[in-house]
């Protein structure tokens, strides 16, 4: 409460109009947590660490579904209330074992294809876009229309709100599950991953107003088209996917590099000759005077791959040397992250 009032007076002193601090409503109750195993909660897993029971103080025994990916010692527990359902998140102290492959890849994130992956052996892989939000857009519109004709706060209005929250929760879970599986597959099949550093906030900005010659006259600025593009960008959730790739790569001890977009310009640079030529967003093919003809996304993925092989050559050679002995240094992953930050 003290922090809430401090923030209130800070914003008020800055000339803003903050809302007066108030307690959260029941609908915004997100759950609670326990910091130590045995202090208010006890985890009792079943055979092979799957299913079992969870004992909560003042609640009793609750049957669980699911299990631990890696066996270990329970540390903390979070009881979560999401979209009208209850979940439990348990932190396990363990040493994860993550498989990794060989070779290097560069990938480019996009709309039509979520990823275009260029392998160091010349193979190209295009991964389609599931479009989770777009595929459920009609259902969401029907629910929002239904809510508009309900009396706010009524039983029917609350019921439709729960249906909307439930559908949004399902979309978010589908997206995150797919991102987890795809990032694990990429990390498990390669020894080095390279891409460009995306600034999602800048990519999804609204277009600036376009004033006309007369006072209070505004010209078309493509806001409607940009709105649809922004929705598709955020539907793919590239920031979430990249964060999953980063931590999985660090756990597996493989190189993960992100090229500076403004300096490298992978979407505009020709992989074959290195010439930089601006392209409009709707131009999806890369055609260069040097004779290079390929899809724009594949060319961009190849540029990221070449950049990574050049900037991380020392690390890459060290990694290849470890393959001959069949062992990987324990600090290899931390070395990768440290050198990556210095290089970028």
C-alpha atoms as a PDB file:
ATOM      1  CA  UNK A   1       0.000   0.000   0.000  1.00  0.00           C
ATOM      2  CA  UNK A   2       2.874   2.339   0.805  1.00  0.00           C
ATOM      3  CA  UNK A   3       4.381   1.785  -2.652  1.00  0.00           C
ATOM      4  CA  UNK A   4       1.018   2.518  -4.280  1.00  0.00           C
ATOM      5  CA  UNK A   5       0.710   5.860  -2.480  1.00  0.00           C
ATOM      6  CA  UNK A   6       4.334   6.743  -3.235  1.00  0.00           C
ATOM      7  CA  UNK A   7       3.660   6.194  -6.931  1.00  0.00           C
ATOM      8  CA  UNK A   8       0.425   8.201  -6.680  1.00  0.00           C
ATOM      9  CA  UNK A   9       2.133  11.267  -5.160  1.00  0.00           C
ATOM     10  CA  UNK A  10       5.096  10.961  -7.523  1.00  0.00           C
ATOM     11  CA  UNK A  11       2.849  11.073 -10.600  1.00  0.00           C
ATOM     12  CA  UNK A  12       0.681  13.818  -9.091  1.00  0.00           C
ATOM     13  CA  UNK A  13       3.771  15.928  -8.366  1.00  0.00           C
ATOM     14  CA  UNK A  14       4.865  15.523 -11.992  1.00  0.00           C
ATOM     15  CA  UNK A  15       1.642  17.161 -13.185  1.00  0.00           C
ATOM     16  CA  UNK A  16      -0.054  13.919 -14.235  1.00  0.00           C
ATOM     17  CA  UNK A  17      -3.551  12.769 -13.249  1.00  0.00           C
ATOM     18  CA  UNK A  18      -3.090   9.340 -11.620  1.00  0.00           C
ATOM     19  CA  UNK A  19      -5.972   7.306 -10.279  1.00  0.00           C
ATOM     20  CA  UNK A  20      -6.372   7.186  -6.515  1.00  0.00           C
ATOM     21  CA  UNK A  21      -4.935   3.927  -5.047  1.00  0.00           C
ATOM     22  CA  UNK A  22      -7.540   1.260  -4.376  1.00  0.00           C
ATOM     23  CA  UNK A  23      -7.698  -2.422  -3.566  1.00  0.00           C
ATOM     24  CA  UNK A  24      -7.883  -4.880  -6.436  1.00  0.00           C
ATOM     25  CA  UNK A  25     -11.264  -6.376  -7.225  1.00  0.00           C
ATOM     26  CA  UNK A  26     -11.901 -10.089  -6.855  1.00  0.00           C
ATOM     27  CA  UNK A  27     -11.698 -10.534 -10.623  1.00  0.00           C
ATOM     28  CA  UNK A  28      -8.106  -9.278 -10.598  1.00  0.00           C
ATOM     29  CA  UNK A  29      -6.955 -11.664  -7.855  1.00  0.00           C
ATOM     30  CA  UNK A  30      -3.977 -13.495  -9.371  1.00  0.00           C
ATOM     31  CA  UNK A  31      -3.129 -15.972  -6.608  1.00  0.00           C
ATOM     32  CA  UNK A  32      -0.429 -16.336  -3.970  1.00  0.00           C
ATOM     33  CA  UNK A  33       2.913 -18.065  -3.419  1.00  0.00           C
ATOM     34  CA  UNK A  34       5.112 -20.005  -0.978  1.00  0.00           C
ATOM     35  CA  UNK A  35       8.863 -19.434  -0.655  1.00  0.00           C
ATOM     36  CA  UNK A  36       9.956 -22.662   1.068  1.00  0.00           C
ATOM     37  CA  UNK A  37       8.946 -26.275   0.518  1.00  0.00           C
ATOM     38  CA  UNK A  38       7.280 -27.634   3.644  1.00  0.00           C
ATOM     39  CA  UNK A  39       6.216 -24.210   4.887  1.00  0.00           C
ATOM     40  CA  UNK A  40       2.509 -24.198   4.036  1.00  0.00           C
ATOM     41  CA  UNK A  41       2.772 -26.609   1.107  1.00  0.00           C
ATOM     42  CA  UNK A  42       4.083 -30.084   0.335  1.00  0.00           C
ATOM     43  CA  UNK A  43       4.589 -31.693  -3.068  1.00  0.00           C
ATOM     44  CA  UNK A  44       3.871 -35.434  -3.248  1.00  0.00           C
ATOM     45  CA  UNK A  45       4.656 -36.591  -6.816  1.00  0.00           C
ATOM     46  CA  UNK A  46       3.529 -39.962  -8.124  1.00  0.00           C
ATOM     47  CA  UNK A  47       5.524 -42.614  -9.947  1.00  0.00           C
ATOM     48  CA  UNK A  48       8.383 -41.303 -12.100  1.00  0.00           C
ATOM     49  CA  UNK A  49       7.577 -37.775 -10.944  1.00  0.00           C
ATOM     50  CA  UNK A  50       4.238 -37.604 -12.756  1.00  0.00           C
ATOM     51  CA  UNK A  51       0.846 -36.616 -11.345  1.00  0.00           C
ATOM     52  CA  UNK A  52       0.568 -37.018  -7.568  1.00  0.00           C
ATOM     53  CA  UNK A  53      -0.857 -34.641  -4.961  1.00  0.00           C
ATOM     54  CA  UNK A  54      -0.237 -31.157  -3.630  1.00  0.00           C
ATOM     55  CA  UNK A  55      -0.982 -30.398   0.010  1.00  0.00           C
ATOM     56  CA  UNK A  56      -1.802 -26.772   0.841  1.00  0.00           C
ATOM     57  CA  UNK A  57      -2.236 -25.456   4.362  1.00  0.00           C
ATOM     58  CA  UNK A  58      -5.889 -24.683   5.030  1.00  0.00           C
ATOM     59  CA  UNK A  59      -6.984 -26.308   1.754  1.00  0.00           C
ATOM     60  CA  UNK A  60      -5.969 -29.962   1.978  1.00  0.00           C
ATOM     61  CA  UNK A  61      -4.753 -32.426  -0.651  1.00  0.00           C
ATOM     62  CA  UNK A  62      -5.259 -31.529  -4.314  1.00  0.00           C
ATOM     63  CA  UNK A  63      -4.755 -34.005  -7.139  1.00  0.00           C
ATOM     64  CA  UNK A  64      -2.237 -32.883  -9.745  1.00  0.00           C
ATOM     65  CA  UNK A  65      -1.937 -33.625 -13.440  1.00  0.00           C
ATOM     66  CA  UNK A  66       1.411 -33.409 -15.194  1.00  0.00           C
ATOM     67  CA  UNK A  67       4.959 -33.871 -14.027  1.00  0.00           C
ATOM     68  CA  UNK A  68       8.515 -32.586 -13.828  1.00  0.00           C
ATOM     69  CA  UNK A  69      10.660 -32.553 -16.962  1.00  0.00           C
ATOM     70  CA  UNK A  70      13.771 -32.971 -14.798  1.00  0.00           C
ATOM     71  CA  UNK A  71      13.802 -34.543 -11.357  1.00  0.00           C
ATOM     72  CA  UNK A  72      14.982 -32.394  -8.478  1.00  0.00           C
ATOM     73  CA  UNK A  73      14.112 -30.785  -5.151  1.00  0.00           C
ATOM     74  CA  UNK A  74      10.993 -28.577  -4.879  1.00  0.00           C
ATOM     75  CA  UNK A  75      11.871 -25.011  -3.891  1.00  0.00           C
ATOM     76  CA  UNK A  76       8.956 -22.580  -4.365  1.00  0.00           C
ATOM     77  CA  UNK A  77       5.289 -22.803  -5.273  1.00  0.00           C
ATOM     78  CA  UNK A  78       2.972 -20.298  -6.977  1.00  0.00           C
ATOM     79  CA  UNK A  79      -0.817 -20.698  -7.003  1.00  0.00           C
ATOM     80  CA  UNK A  80      -2.085 -18.916 -10.121  1.00  0.00           C
ATOM     81  CA  UNK A  81      -5.599 -17.824 -11.060  1.00  0.00           C
ATOM     82  CA  UNK A  82      -5.776 -17.404 -14.844  1.00  0.00           C
ATOM     83  CA  UNK A  83      -8.924 -16.921 -16.934  1.00  0.00           C
ATOM     84  CA  UNK A  84     -11.186 -18.484 -14.313  1.00  0.00           C
ATOM     85  CA  UNK A  85      -8.964 -21.530 -13.764  1.00  0.00           C
ATOM     86  CA  UNK A  86      -6.433 -22.458 -11.109  1.00  0.00           C
ATOM     87  CA  UNK A  87      -2.874 -23.582 -11.834  1.00  0.00           C
ATOM     88  CA  UNK A  88       0.180 -24.377  -9.757  1.00  0.00           C
ATOM     89  CA  UNK A  89       3.741 -23.513 -10.780  1.00  0.00           C
ATOM     90  CA  UNK A  90       6.491 -25.312  -8.841  1.00  0.00           C
ATOM     91  CA  UNK A  91      10.160 -24.341  -9.073  1.00  0.00           C
ATOM     92  CA  UNK A  92      12.454 -27.369  -9.032  1.00  0.00           C
ATOM     93  CA  UNK A  93      16.148 -27.201  -8.153  1.00  0.00           C
ATOM     94  CA  UNK A  94      17.690 -29.466 -10.788  1.00  0.00           C
ATOM     95  CA  UNK A  95      20.401 -29.686 -13.416  1.00  0.00           C
ATOM     96  CA  UNK A  96      18.661 -29.766 -16.804  1.00  0.00           C
ATOM     97  CA  UNK A  97      20.121 -31.890 -19.576  1.00  0.00           C
ATOM     98  CA  UNK A  98      19.505 -30.411 -23.005  1.00  0.00           C
ATOM     99  CA  UNK A  99      20.528 -32.080 -26.240  1.00  0.00           C
ATOM    100  CA  UNK A 100      22.199 -30.084 -28.979  1.00  0.00           C
ATOM    101  CA  UNK A 101      23.116 -30.768 -32.561  1.00  0.00           C
ATOM    102  CA  UNK A 102      25.793 -29.766 -35.036  1.00  0.00           C
ATOM    103  CA  UNK A 103      26.208 -27.107 -37.689  1.00  0.00           C
ATOM    104  CA  UNK A 104      24.953 -23.530 -37.718  1.00  0.00           C
ATOM    105  CA  UNK A 105      21.730 -21.848 -38.786  1.00  0.00           C
ATOM    106  CA  UNK A 106      20.522 -18.332 -39.444  1.00  0.00           C
ATOM    107  CA  UNK A 107      16.831 -17.499 -39.332  1.00  0.00           C
ATOM    108  CA  UNK A 108      14.640 -14.568 -40.263  1.00  0.00           C
ATOM    109  CA  UNK A 109      11.323 -13.883 -38.559  1.00  0.00           C
ATOM    110  CA  UNK A 110       8.355 -12.992 -40.761  1.00  0.00           C
ATOM    111  CA  UNK A 111       4.579 -12.871 -41.180  1.00  0.00           C
ATOM    112  CA  UNK A 112       3.782 -15.326 -43.976  1.00  0.00           C
ATOM    113  CA  UNK A 113       6.378 -17.742 -42.600  1.00  0.00           C
ATOM    114  CA  UNK A 114       7.138 -17.396 -38.905  1.00  0.00           C
ATOM    115  CA  UNK A 115      10.709 -18.504 -39.549  1.00  0.00           C
ATOM    116  CA  UNK A 116      12.852 -18.935 -42.630  1.00  0.00           C
ATOM    117  CA  UNK A 117      15.829 -21.035 -41.540  1.00  0.00           C
ATOM    118  CA  UNK A 118      19.039 -21.151 -43.585  1.00  0.00           C
ATOM    119  CA  UNK A 119      21.412 -24.011 -42.703  1.00  0.00           C
ATOM    120  CA  UNK A 120      25.164 -23.889 -43.212  1.00  0.00           C
ATOM    121  CA  UNK A 121      24.901 -26.801 -45.670  1.00  0.00           C
ATOM    122  CA  UNK A 122      22.703 -24.727 -48.010  1.00  0.00           C
ATOM    123  CA  UNK A 123      19.369 -26.240 -46.979  1.00  0.00           C
ATOM    124  CA  UNK A 124      16.468 -23.824 -46.405  1.00  0.00           C
ATOM    125  CA  UNK A 125      13.441 -24.497 -44.205  1.00  0.00           C
ATOM    126  CA  UNK A 126      10.274 -22.390 -44.171  1.00  0.00           C
ATOM    127  CA  UNK A 127       8.052 -22.743 -41.090  1.00  0.00           C
ATOM    128  CA  UNK A 128       4.448 -21.662 -41.617  1.00  0.00           C
ATOM    129  CA  UNK A 129       2.547 -19.224 -39.443  1.00  0.00           C
ATOM    130  CA  UNK A 130      -0.204 -20.874 -37.316  1.00  0.00           C
ATOM    131  CA  UNK A 131      -1.953 -17.457 -36.915  1.00  0.00           C
ATOM    132  CA  UNK A 132      -3.519 -18.263 -33.555  1.00  0.00           C
ATOM    133  CA  UNK A 133      -5.316 -14.941 -33.088  1.00  0.00           C
ATOM    134  CA  UNK A 134      -6.377 -14.579 -36.725  1.00  0.00           C
ATOM    135  CA  UNK A 135      -7.944 -18.043 -36.766  1.00  0.00           C
ATOM    136  CA  UNK A 136     -10.040 -17.207 -33.691  1.00  0.00           C
ATOM    137  CA  UNK A 137     -10.859 -13.640 -34.692  1.00  0.00           C
ATOM    138  CA  UNK A 138     -14.399 -14.483 -35.843  1.00  0.00           C
ATOM    139  CA  UNK A 139     -15.210 -16.137 -32.494  1.00  0.00           C
ATOM    140  CA  UNK A 140     -13.828 -13.170 -30.584  1.00  0.00           C
ATOM    141  CA  UNK A 141     -15.871 -10.703 -32.648  1.00  0.00           C
ATOM    142  CA  UNK A 142     -19.049 -12.665 -31.937  1.00  0.00           C
ATOM    143  CA  UNK A 143     -18.297 -12.651 -28.217  1.00  0.00           C
ATOM    144  CA  UNK A 144     -17.556  -8.924 -28.170  1.00  0.00           C
ATOM    145  CA  UNK A 145     -20.781  -8.184 -30.053  1.00  0.00           C
ATOM    146  CA  UNK A 146     -22.692 -10.346 -27.593  1.00  0.00           C
ATOM    147  CA  UNK A 147     -21.181  -8.448 -24.667  1.00  0.00           C
ATOM    148  CA  UNK A 148     -22.180  -5.075 -26.138  1.00  0.00           C
ATOM    149  CA  UNK A 149     -25.895  -5.877 -25.865  1.00  0.00           C
ATOM    150  CA  UNK A 150     -25.612  -7.094 -22.263  1.00  0.00           C
ATOM    151  CA  UNK A 151     -26.088  -4.859 -19.234  1.00  0.00           C
ATOM    152  CA  UNK A 152     -22.681  -4.114 -17.756  1.00  0.00           C
ATOM    153  CA  UNK A 153     -22.190  -5.972 -14.474  1.00  0.00           C
ATOM    154  CA  UNK A 154     -25.095  -8.368 -15.051  1.00  0.00           C
ATOM    155  CA  UNK A 155     -24.777 -12.133 -14.802  1.00  0.00           C
ATOM    156  CA  UNK A 156     -24.878 -12.550 -18.607  1.00  0.00           C
ATOM    157  CA  UNK A 157     -22.278  -9.801 -19.055  1.00  0.00           C
ATOM    158  CA  UNK A 158     -19.915 -11.519 -16.600  1.00  0.00           C
ATOM    159  CA  UNK A 159     -20.483 -14.873 -18.310  1.00  0.00           C
ATOM    160  CA  UNK A 160     -19.483 -13.475 -21.732  1.00  0.00           C
ATOM    161  CA  UNK A 161     -16.452 -11.795 -20.159  1.00  0.00           C
ATOM    162  CA  UNK A 162     -15.329 -15.170 -18.827  1.00  0.00           C
ATOM    163  CA  UNK A 163     -15.770 -16.690 -22.288  1.00  0.00           C
ATOM    164  CA  UNK A 164     -13.630 -13.943 -23.827  1.00  0.00           C
ATOM    165  CA  UNK A 165     -10.911 -14.388 -21.206  1.00  0.00           C
ATOM    166  CA  UNK A 166     -11.022 -18.156 -21.666  1.00  0.00           C
ATOM    167  CA  UNK A 167     -10.540 -17.888 -25.439  1.00  0.00           C
ATOM    168  CA  UNK A 168      -7.697 -15.372 -25.096  1.00  0.00           C
ATOM    169  CA  UNK A 169      -6.065 -17.688 -22.568  1.00  0.00           C
ATOM    170  CA  UNK A 170      -6.346 -20.628 -24.948  1.00  0.00           C
ATOM    171  CA  UNK A 171      -4.746 -18.606 -27.758  1.00  0.00           C
ATOM    172  CA  UNK A 172      -1.872 -17.562 -25.479  1.00  0.00           C
ATOM    173  CA  UNK A 173      -1.283 -21.151 -24.317  1.00  0.00           C
ATOM    174  CA  UNK A 174      -1.303 -22.481 -27.888  1.00  0.00           C
ATOM    175  CA  UNK A 175       1.198 -19.830 -28.942  1.00  0.00           C
ATOM    176  CA  UNK A 176       3.552 -20.435 -26.023  1.00  0.00           C
ATOM    177  CA  UNK A 177       3.397 -24.221 -26.381  1.00  0.00           C
ATOM    178  CA  UNK A 178       4.234 -23.957 -30.087  1.00  0.00           C
ATOM    179  CA  UNK A 179       7.105 -21.552 -29.366  1.00  0.00           C
ATOM    180  CA  UNK A 180       8.515 -23.900 -26.719  1.00  0.00           C
ATOM    181  CA  UNK A 181       8.458 -26.873 -29.081  1.00  0.00           C
ATOM    182  CA  UNK A 182       9.925 -24.959 -32.024  1.00  0.00           C
ATOM    183  CA  UNK A 183      12.722 -23.354 -29.974  1.00  0.00           C
ATOM    184  CA  UNK A 184      13.608 -26.738 -28.440  1.00  0.00           C
ATOM    185  CA  UNK A 185      13.752 -28.302 -31.912  1.00  0.00           C
ATOM    186  CA  UNK A 186      16.048 -25.584 -33.247  1.00  0.00           C
ATOM    187  CA  UNK A 187      18.402 -25.778 -30.268  1.00  0.00           C
ATOM    188  CA  UNK A 188      18.457 -29.586 -30.368  1.00  0.00           C
ATOM    189  CA  UNK A 189      19.420 -29.704 -34.059  1.00  0.00           C
ATOM    190  CA  UNK A 190      22.256 -27.176 -34.235  1.00  0.00           C
ATOM    191  CA  UNK A 191      25.372 -25.885 -32.517  1.00  0.00           C
ATOM    192  CA  UNK A 192      25.014 -22.180 -33.341  1.00  0.00           C
ATOM    193  CA  UNK A 193      22.027 -19.913 -33.996  1.00  0.00           C
ATOM    194  CA  UNK A 194      22.150 -16.462 -35.565  1.00  0.00           C
ATOM    195  CA  UNK A 195      19.435 -13.913 -36.292  1.00  0.00           C
ATOM    196  CA  UNK A 196      18.888 -10.153 -36.236  1.00  0.00           C
ATOM    197  CA  UNK A 197      18.083  -8.122 -33.135  1.00  0.00           C
ATOM    198  CA  UNK A 198      14.427  -7.174 -33.475  1.00  0.00           C
ATOM    199  CA  UNK A 199      12.884  -4.068 -31.905  1.00  0.00           C
ATOM    200  CA  UNK A 200       9.276  -5.177 -31.625  1.00  0.00           C
ATOM    201  CA  UNK A 201       8.111  -1.886 -30.131  1.00  0.00           C
ATOM    202  CA  UNK A 202       9.361   0.045 -33.155  1.00  0.00           C
ATOM    203  CA  UNK A 203       8.010  -2.545 -35.589  1.00  0.00           C
ATOM    204  CA  UNK A 204       4.482  -2.258 -34.197  1.00  0.00           C
ATOM    205  CA  UNK A 205       4.305   1.529 -33.899  1.00  0.00           C
ATOM    206  CA  UNK A 206       1.411   3.484 -35.335  1.00  0.00           C
ATOM    207  CA  UNK A 207       2.211   5.529 -38.448  1.00  0.00           C
ATOM    208  CA  UNK A 208       2.733   9.238 -37.874  1.00  0.00           C
ATOM    209  CA  UNK A 209      -0.111  11.607 -38.856  1.00  0.00           C
ATOM    210  CA  UNK A 210       0.290  13.123 -42.311  1.00  0.00           C
ATOM    211  CA  UNK A 211      -0.845  16.770 -42.323  1.00  0.00           C
ATOM    212  CA  UNK A 212      -2.220  18.309 -45.502  1.00  0.00           C
ATOM    213  CA  UNK A 213      -1.795  21.772 -46.974  1.00  0.00           C
ATOM    214  CA  UNK A 214      -4.902  23.233 -45.314  1.00  0.00           C
ATOM    215  CA  UNK A 215      -5.319  23.708 -41.548  1.00  0.00           C
ATOM    216  CA  UNK A 216      -6.836  20.690 -39.773  1.00  0.00           C
ATOM    217  CA  UNK A 217      -6.432  18.633 -42.955  1.00  0.00           C
ATOM    218  CA  UNK A 218      -4.976  15.148 -42.658  1.00  0.00           C
ATOM    219  CA  UNK A 219      -3.921  12.960 -45.546  1.00  0.00           C
ATOM    220  CA  UNK A 220      -4.174   9.139 -45.625  1.00  0.00           C
ATOM    221  CA  UNK A 221      -1.173   7.657 -43.810  1.00  0.00           C
ATOM    222  CA  UNK A 222      -1.898   3.936 -44.179  1.00  0.00           C
ATOM    223  CA  UNK A 223      -2.996   3.586 -40.554  1.00  0.00           C
ATOM    224  CA  UNK A 224      -5.594   0.927 -41.387  1.00  0.00           C
ATOM    225  CA  UNK A 225      -3.108  -1.295 -43.221  1.00  0.00           C
ATOM    226  CA  UNK A 226      -0.473  -0.755 -40.519  1.00  0.00           C
ATOM    227  CA  UNK A 227      -3.013  -1.717 -37.865  1.00  0.00           C
ATOM    228  CA  UNK A 228      -3.532  -5.087 -39.538  1.00  0.00           C
ATOM    229  CA  UNK A 229       0.230  -5.566 -39.877  1.00  0.00           C
ATOM    230  CA  UNK A 230       0.757  -4.719 -36.206  1.00  0.00           C
ATOM    231  CA  UNK A 231      -1.852  -7.289 -35.215  1.00  0.00           C
ATOM    232  CA  UNK A 232      -0.076  -9.973 -37.264  1.00  0.00           C
ATOM    233  CA  UNK A 233       3.301  -9.012 -35.775  1.00  0.00           C
ATOM    234  CA  UNK A 234       2.035  -9.223 -32.198  1.00  0.00           C
ATOM    235  CA  UNK A 235       0.111 -12.421 -32.978  1.00  0.00           C
ATOM    236  CA  UNK A 236       3.405 -14.110 -33.851  1.00  0.00           C
ATOM    237  CA  UNK A 237       4.966 -12.875 -30.561  1.00  0.00           C
ATOM    238  CA  UNK A 238       8.586 -12.756 -31.802  1.00  0.00           C
ATOM    239  CA  UNK A 239       9.846 -11.356 -28.481  1.00  0.00           C
ATOM    240  CA  UNK A 240       8.503 -14.379 -26.591  1.00  0.00           C
ATOM    241  CA  UNK A 241       9.992 -16.800 -29.116  1.00  0.00           C
ATOM    242  CA  UNK A 242      13.433 -15.155 -29.057  1.00  0.00           C
ATOM    243  CA  UNK A 243      13.518 -15.172 -25.251  1.00  0.00           C
ATOM    244  CA  UNK A 244      12.837 -18.926 -25.277  1.00  0.00           C
ATOM    245  CA  UNK A 245      15.581 -19.526 -27.849  1.00  0.00           C
ATOM    246  CA  UNK A 246      18.054 -17.481 -25.787  1.00  0.00           C
ATOM    247  CA  UNK A 247      17.623 -19.363 -22.531  1.00  0.00           C
ATOM    248  CA  UNK A 248      17.482 -22.782 -24.202  1.00  0.00           C
ATOM    249  CA  UNK A 249      20.678 -21.989 -26.114  1.00  0.00           C
ATOM    250  CA  UNK A 250      22.370 -20.882 -22.882  1.00  0.00           C
ATOM    251  CA  UNK A 251      21.312 -24.097 -21.109  1.00  0.00           C
ATOM    252  CA  UNK A 252      22.568 -26.239 -23.984  1.00  0.00           C
ATOM    253  CA  UNK A 253      25.828 -24.280 -24.195  1.00  0.00           C
ATOM    254  CA  UNK A 254      25.504 -23.302 -27.844  1.00  0.00           C
ATOM    255  CA  UNK A 255      26.252 -19.970 -29.499  1.00  0.00           C
ATOM    256  CA  UNK A 256      23.374 -17.512 -29.895  1.00  0.00           C
ATOM    257  CA  UNK A 257      24.108 -14.283 -31.767  1.00  0.00           C
ATOM    258  CA  UNK A 258      21.825 -11.395 -32.750  1.00  0.00           C
ATOM    259  CA  UNK A 259      23.089  -9.088 -35.481  1.00  0.00           C
ATOM    260  CA  UNK A 260      22.594  -5.301 -35.186  1.00  0.00           C
ATOM    261  CA  UNK A 261      19.778  -4.640 -37.661  1.00  0.00           C
ATOM    262  CA  UNK A 262      20.539  -0.978 -38.371  1.00  0.00           C
ATOM    263  CA  UNK A 263      24.180  -1.714 -39.133  1.00  0.00           C
ATOM    264  CA  UNK A 264      23.862  -5.004 -41.010  1.00  0.00           C
ATOM    265  CA  UNK A 265      20.506  -4.392 -42.787  1.00  0.00           C
ATOM    266  CA  UNK A 266      19.897  -8.105 -43.517  1.00  0.00           C
ATOM    267  CA  UNK A 267      16.613  -7.471 -45.352  1.00  0.00           C
ATOM    268  CA  UNK A 268      18.261  -5.033 -47.763  1.00  0.00           C
ATOM    269  CA  UNK A 269      21.758  -6.498 -48.130  1.00  0.00           C
ATOM    270  CA  UNK A 270      22.532  -8.989 -50.887  1.00  0.00           C
ATOM    271  CA  UNK A 271      24.092 -12.125 -49.466  1.00  0.00           C
ATOM    272  CA  UNK A 272      26.031 -12.824 -52.654  1.00  0.00           C
ATOM    273  CA  UNK A 273      27.668  -9.440 -53.357  1.00  0.00           C
ATOM    274  CA  UNK A 274      26.986  -7.448 -50.168  1.00  0.00           C
ATOM    275  CA  UNK A 275      25.238  -4.567 -51.933  1.00  0.00           C
ATOM    276  CA  UNK A 276      22.614  -2.730 -49.863  1.00  0.00           C
ATOM    277  CA  UNK A 277      19.476  -1.822 -51.795  1.00  0.00           C
ATOM    278  CA  UNK A 278      16.320  -0.547 -50.032  1.00  0.00           C
ATOM    279  CA  UNK A 279      13.175  -2.637 -50.554  1.00  0.00           C
ATOM    280  CA  UNK A 280       9.550  -1.870 -49.859  1.00  0.00           C
ATOM    281  CA  UNK A 281       7.800  -4.160 -47.396  1.00  0.00           C
ATOM    282  CA  UNK A 282       5.553  -5.673 -50.071  1.00  0.00           C
ATOM    283  CA  UNK A 283       8.606  -6.677 -52.150  1.00  0.00           C
ATOM    284  CA  UNK A 284       9.038 -10.302 -51.078  1.00  0.00           C
ATOM    285  CA  UNK A 285      11.713 -11.377 -53.584  1.00  0.00           C
ATOM    286  CA  UNK A 286      15.370 -10.399 -53.600  1.00  0.00           C
ATOM    287  CA  UNK A 287      16.579  -9.571 -57.121  1.00  0.00           C
ATOM    288  CA  UNK A 288      20.109  -8.198 -57.438  1.00  0.00           C
ATOM    289  CA  UNK A 289      22.181  -7.043 -60.417  1.00  0.00           C
ATOM    290  CA  UNK A 290      24.823  -9.618 -59.472  1.00  0.00           C
ATOM    291  CA  UNK A 291      22.398 -12.375 -60.487  1.00  0.00           C
ATOM    292  CA  UNK A 292      21.175 -13.380 -57.035  1.00  0.00           C
ATOM    293  CA  UNK A 293      17.493 -14.370 -57.102  1.00  0.00           C
ATOM    294  CA  UNK A 294      15.826 -15.767 -54.009  1.00  0.00           C
ATOM    295  CA  UNK A 295      13.101 -15.005 -51.504  1.00  0.00           C
ATOM    296  CA  UNK A 296      13.662 -11.945 -49.357  1.00  0.00           C
ATOM    297  CA  UNK A 297      13.384 -13.900 -46.099  1.00  0.00           C
ATOM    298  CA  UNK A 298      15.881 -16.552 -47.200  1.00  0.00           C
ATOM    299  CA  UNK A 299      18.385 -13.912 -48.264  1.00  0.00           C
ATOM    300  CA  UNK A 300      17.988 -12.192 -44.885  1.00  0.00           C
ATOM    301  CA  UNK A 301      18.467 -15.477 -43.008  1.00  0.00           C
ATOM    302  CA  UNK A 302      21.596 -16.168 -45.067  1.00  0.00           C
ATOM    303  CA  UNK A 303      23.025 -12.720 -44.290  1.00  0.00           C
ATOM    304  CA  UNK A 304      22.512 -13.359 -40.556  1.00  0.00           C
ATOM    305  CA  UNK A 305      24.186 -16.761 -40.880  1.00  0.00           C
ATOM    306  CA  UNK A 306      27.221 -15.308 -42.680  1.00  0.00           C
ATOM    307  CA  UNK A 307      27.477 -12.514 -40.110  1.00  0.00           C
ATOM    308  CA  UNK A 308      27.427 -15.018 -37.272  1.00  0.00           C
ATOM    309  CA  UNK A 309      30.007 -17.309 -38.841  1.00  0.00           C
ATOM    310  CA  UNK A 310      32.317 -14.318 -39.294  1.00  0.00           C
ATOM    311  CA  UNK A 311      31.872 -12.746 -35.848  1.00  0.00           C
ATOM    312  CA  UNK A 312      31.835 -16.002 -33.873  1.00  0.00           C
ATOM    313  CA  UNK A 313      34.496 -17.896 -35.826  1.00  0.00           C
ATOM    314  CA  UNK A 314      36.780 -18.281 -32.808  1.00  0.00           C
ATOM    315  CA  UNK A 315      33.987 -19.695 -30.656  1.00  0.00           C
ATOM    316  CA  UNK A 316      32.817 -21.870 -33.518  1.00  0.00           C
ATOM    317  CA  UNK A 317      36.271 -23.442 -33.965  1.00  0.00           C
ATOM    318  CA  UNK A 318      36.505 -24.045 -30.228  1.00  0.00           C
ATOM    319  CA  UNK A 319      33.147 -25.807 -30.330  1.00  0.00           C
ATOM    320  CA  UNK A 320      34.203 -28.014 -33.246  1.00  0.00           C
ATOM    321  CA  UNK A 321      37.352 -29.003 -31.354  1.00  0.00           C
ATOM    322  CA  UNK A 322      35.240 -30.247 -28.450  1.00  0.00           C
ATOM    323  CA  UNK A 323      33.336 -32.591 -30.765  1.00  0.00           C
ATOM    324  CA  UNK A 324      36.455 -34.637 -31.419  1.00  0.00           C
ATOM    325  CA  UNK A 325      36.904 -35.411 -27.729  1.00  0.00           C
ATOM    326  CA  UNK A 326      33.181 -35.952 -27.198  1.00  0.00           C
ATOM    327  CA  UNK A 327      33.123 -33.537 -24.260  1.00  0.00           C
ATOM    328  CA  UNK A 328      31.971 -29.960 -23.871  1.00  0.00           C
ATOM    329  CA  UNK A 329      33.579 -27.542 -21.383  1.00  0.00           C
ATOM    330  CA  UNK A 330      31.270 -26.761 -18.469  1.00  0.00           C
ATOM    331  CA  UNK A 331      31.720 -23.009 -18.914  1.00  0.00           C
ATOM    332  CA  UNK A 332      31.211 -23.093 -22.686  1.00  0.00           C
ATOM    333  CA  UNK A 333      27.683 -21.652 -22.530  1.00  0.00           C
ATOM    334  CA  UNK A 334      28.710 -18.770 -20.269  1.00  0.00           C
ATOM    335  CA  UNK A 335      31.685 -18.007 -22.528  1.00  0.00           C
ATOM    336  CA  UNK A 336      29.331 -17.816 -25.488  1.00  0.00           C
ATOM    337  CA  UNK A 337      27.036 -15.304 -23.842  1.00  0.00           C
ATOM    338  CA  UNK A 338      29.938 -13.163 -22.628  1.00  0.00           C
ATOM    339  CA  UNK A 339      31.676 -13.022 -25.992  1.00  0.00           C
ATOM    340  CA  UNK A 340      28.369 -12.469 -27.748  1.00  0.00           C
ATOM    341  CA  UNK A 341      27.661  -9.326 -25.752  1.00  0.00           C
ATOM    342  CA  UNK A 342      31.154  -8.013 -26.441  1.00  0.00           C
ATOM    343  CA  UNK A 343      30.901  -8.679 -30.159  1.00  0.00           C
ATOM    344  CA  UNK A 344      27.533  -6.975 -30.499  1.00  0.00           C
END
